[in-house]
Amino acid sequence: MKKFLEAGVLGAPRGVKGELKFTCYCDSPDFLRGVKRFYFDEKGEKSLEVKRYYPSIPSIVFEGREDRQTAALLTGKAIWFDRDEVTLPDGVYFNADLLGLPVYDADSGDVIGTLASIEEGARHFLYRIEGETNYLVPDVEAFVISRDPQKGITVRLIDGMEVS
């Protein structure tokens, strides 16, 4: 499991006090509310402490970067967070922990492929499963029966889920 997960990308400054727009890759910007430090590489070697975080906008001000000019140097940079700084509810997993897992057919128990990607749909996430046949499965209870980083993912397929 990766210790550092990608949170999003920093955008252009807002105002003159070092506030940067933030495009969040998590389910919602509120998810990152308690994170005190963001990292500028997936190894956690370079970081900055959060001075203020505004999930409603969303935007961030970093310690030592409280003016527009120094904050602007971070525009376009991807940032990561330490998974140990957030708590997930029981039965909820990071997408990064699900990618590459085997996917099983709920009816037959057979492996139908691996979870290749998780895409954002209009109303919910879509699981792209690659195998002998490729599938696009909506992440809803009717189709995704279970998910567990230790055991894999079980789905119920219906006609029309096959993709090329």
Protein backbone atom coordinates (compact mmCIF):
# COMPACT_ATOMS: atom_id res chain seq x y z
CA MET A 1 0.00 0.00 0.00
CA LYS A 2 1.20 3.46 -0.85
CA LYS A 3 1.75 5.69 2.19
CA PHE A 4 1.26 8.93 0.25
CA LEU A 5 -1.81 9.38 -1.96
CA GLU A 6 -2.44 12.09 -4.53
CA ALA A 7 -4.79 14.75 -3.17
CA GLY A 8 -5.03 17.05 -6.20
CA VAL A 9 -3.29 19.91 -7.93
CA LEU A 10 -2.65 23.51 -6.89
CA GLY A 11 -4.05 26.26 -9.06
CA ALA A 12 -3.50 29.99 -9.43
CA PRO A 13 -3.32 32.34 -6.44
CA ARG A 14 -6.49 34.00 -5.07
CA GLY A 15 -5.93 37.45 -3.66
CA VAL A 16 -2.66 38.69 -2.15
CA LYS A 17 -2.25 36.55 1.01
CA GLY A 18 -0.86 33.35 -0.51
CA GLU A 19 -4.14 31.53 -0.99
CA LEU A 20 -4.00 28.98 -3.83
CA LYS A 21 -6.94 27.46 -5.65
CA PHE A 22 -7.02 23.70 -5.25
CA THR A 23 -8.46 21.03 -7.55
CA CYS A 24 -9.23 18.12 -5.23
CA TYR A 25 -9.04 14.52 -6.50
CA CYS A 26 -10.73 13.10 -3.38
CA ASP A 27 -14.45 12.43 -3.01
CA SER A 28 -14.81 15.94 -1.62
CA PRO A 29 -12.51 18.72 -0.40
CA ASP A 30 -13.95 18.22 3.13
CA PHE A 31 -12.22 14.83 3.24
CA LEU A 32 -8.84 16.61 3.60
CA ARG A 33 -9.97 19.01 6.33
CA GLY A 34 -7.70 17.54 9.06
CA VAL A 35 -4.56 17.15 6.95
CA LYS A 36 -1.79 19.32 8.43
CA ARG A 37 0.91 18.76 5.81
CA PHE A 38 0.90 18.17 2.06
CA TYR A 39 3.74 16.60 0.14
CA PHE A 40 5.10 17.50 -3.29
CA ASP A 41 6.18 14.01 -4.23
CA GLU A 42 4.74 10.56 -3.74
CA LYS A 43 7.67 9.57 -1.53
CA GLY A 44 6.93 12.25 1.07
CA GLU A 45 10.37 13.86 0.80
CA LYS A 46 9.26 17.47 0.20
CA SER A 47 6.38 19.04 2.11
CA LEU A 48 4.77 22.20 3.38
CA GLU A 49 2.64 22.72 6.47
CA VAL A 50 -0.92 23.91 5.95
CA LYS A 51 -1.65 27.29 7.53
CA ARG A 52 -5.29 27.52 6.38
CA TYR A 53 -7.47 25.22 4.36
CA TYR A 54 -10.81 26.28 2.90
CA PRO A 55 -12.70 23.22 1.64
CA SER A 56 -15.74 25.28 0.65
CA ILE A 57 -13.77 27.22 -2.00
CA PRO A 58 -11.44 24.96 -2.13
CA SER A 59 -8.11 26.66 -1.50
CA ILE A 60 -4.99 26.37 0.67
CA VAL A 61 -2.48 28.70 2.33
CA PHE A 62 0.90 27.18 3.26
CA GLU A 63 3.20 28.28 6.11
CA GLY A 64 5.97 30.48 4.71
CA ARG A 65 4.05 31.09 1.48
CA GLU A 66 1.63 33.72 2.73
CA ASP A 67 2.12 36.17 -0.13
CA ARG A 68 0.93 35.96 -3.70
CA GLN A 69 4.38 35.88 -5.27
CA THR A 70 5.82 32.93 -3.30
CA ALA A 71 2.52 31.03 -3.42
CA ALA A 72 2.36 31.45 -7.21
CA LEU A 73 5.53 29.34 -7.52
CA LEU A 74 3.43 26.33 -6.50
CA THR A 75 0.82 26.76 -9.26
CA GLY A 76 0.33 23.55 -11.21
CA LYS A 77 2.05 21.33 -8.63
CA ALA A 78 0.45 18.03 -7.64
CA ILE A 79 0.21 17.41 -3.90
CA TRP A 80 -0.06 14.22 -1.85
CA PHE A 81 -1.29 13.47 1.68
CA ASP A 82 -0.21 10.88 4.23
CA ARG A 83 -2.88 8.17 4.52
CA ASP A 84 -2.21 8.03 8.28
CA GLU A 85 -3.63 11.56 8.68
CA VAL A 86 -7.16 10.57 7.63
CA THR A 87 -9.60 8.04 9.02
CA LEU A 88 -11.86 6.06 6.73
CA PRO A 89 -15.17 4.58 7.88
CA ASP A 90 -15.35 0.78 8.14
CA GLY A 91 -15.76 -0.85 4.75
CA VAL A 92 -14.45 2.21 2.85
CA TYR A 93 -11.10 1.97 1.06
CA PHE A 94 -8.81 4.25 -0.87
CA ASN A 95 -9.19 3.79 -4.63
CA ALA A 96 -5.43 3.28 -4.84
CA ASP A 97 -5.80 0.16 -2.67
CA LEU A 98 -8.43 -1.34 -4.99
CA LEU A 99 -6.67 -0.84 -8.33
CA GLY A 100 -5.15 -4.03 -9.69
CA LEU A 101 -7.28 -6.32 -7.52
CA PRO A 102 -8.91 -9.41 -8.99
CA VAL A 103 -12.61 -9.00 -9.81
CA TYR A 104 -15.00 -11.93 -9.35
CA ASP A 105 -18.40 -12.62 -10.91
CA ALA A 106 -20.95 -12.85 -8.07
CA ASP A 107 -22.98 -15.55 -9.82
CA SER A 108 -20.22 -17.92 -10.95
CA GLY A 109 -17.38 -17.01 -8.57
CA ASP A 110 -15.00 -16.90 -11.55
CA VAL A 111 -12.30 -14.24 -11.90
CA ILE A 112 -13.40 -11.97 -14.76
CA GLY A 113 -10.40 -9.62 -14.72
CA THR A 114 -8.67 -6.96 -12.66
CA LEU A 115 -9.76 -3.48 -11.66
CA ALA A 116 -7.86 -1.30 -14.13
CA SER A 117 -9.26 2.13 -13.24
CA ILE A 118 -11.97 3.95 -11.36
CA GLU A 119 -13.60 6.66 -13.43
CA GLU A 120 -15.87 9.45 -12.34
CA GLY A 121 -19.34 9.16 -13.86
CA ALA A 122 -22.18 11.66 -13.82
CA ARG A 123 -23.85 10.12 -10.73
CA HIS A 124 -21.30 7.62 -9.34
CA PHE A 125 -17.93 6.04 -9.96
CA LEU A 126 -17.44 3.45 -12.69
CA TYR A 127 -15.14 0.43 -12.30
CA ARG A 128 -13.23 -0.41 -15.50
CA ILE A 129 -12.49 -4.12 -15.38
CA GLU A 130 -9.99 -5.55 -17.85
CA GLY A 131 -9.79 -9.24 -18.66
CA GLU A 132 -10.71 -11.56 -21.49
CA THR A 133 -13.77 -9.29 -21.79
CA ASN A 134 -13.68 -5.68 -20.55
CA TYR A 135 -16.49 -4.23 -18.44
CA LEU A 136 -17.60 -0.86 -17.12
CA VAL A 137 -19.51 -1.43 -13.87
CA PRO A 138 -21.28 1.34 -11.91
CA ASP A 139 -20.15 1.48 -8.29
CA VAL A 140 -23.61 0.97 -6.79
CA GLU A 141 -24.85 -1.73 -4.39
CA ALA A 142 -26.79 -3.55 -7.10
CA PHE A 143 -23.60 -4.25 -9.08
CA VAL A 144 -20.60 -3.98 -6.72
CA ILE A 145 -21.37 -6.64 -4.13
CA SER A 146 -18.17 -6.39 -2.10
CA ARG A 147 -14.72 -4.83 -2.12
CA ASP A 148 -11.81 -5.73 0.10
CA PRO A 149 -8.11 -5.01 -0.54
CA GLN A 150 -7.24 -8.47 0.88
CA LYS A 151 -9.84 -10.52 -1.02
CA GLY A 152 -10.67 -8.61 -4.19
CA ILE A 153 -13.89 -7.23 -5.64
CA THR A 154 -17.12 -9.07 -6.41
CA VAL A 155 -19.54 -7.69 -9.00
CA ARG A 156 -22.85 -8.69 -10.54
CA LEU A 157 -22.82 -8.25 -14.32
CA ILE A 158 -25.76 -7.53 -16.60
CA ASP A 159 -26.02 -7.20 -20.37
CA GLY A 160 -24.61 -3.93 -21.64
CA MET A 161 -21.66 -3.66 -19.26
CA GLU A 162 -19.21 -5.00 -21.85
CA VAL A 163 -16.93 -2.39 -23.42
CA SER A 164 -14.10 -2.50 -25.91
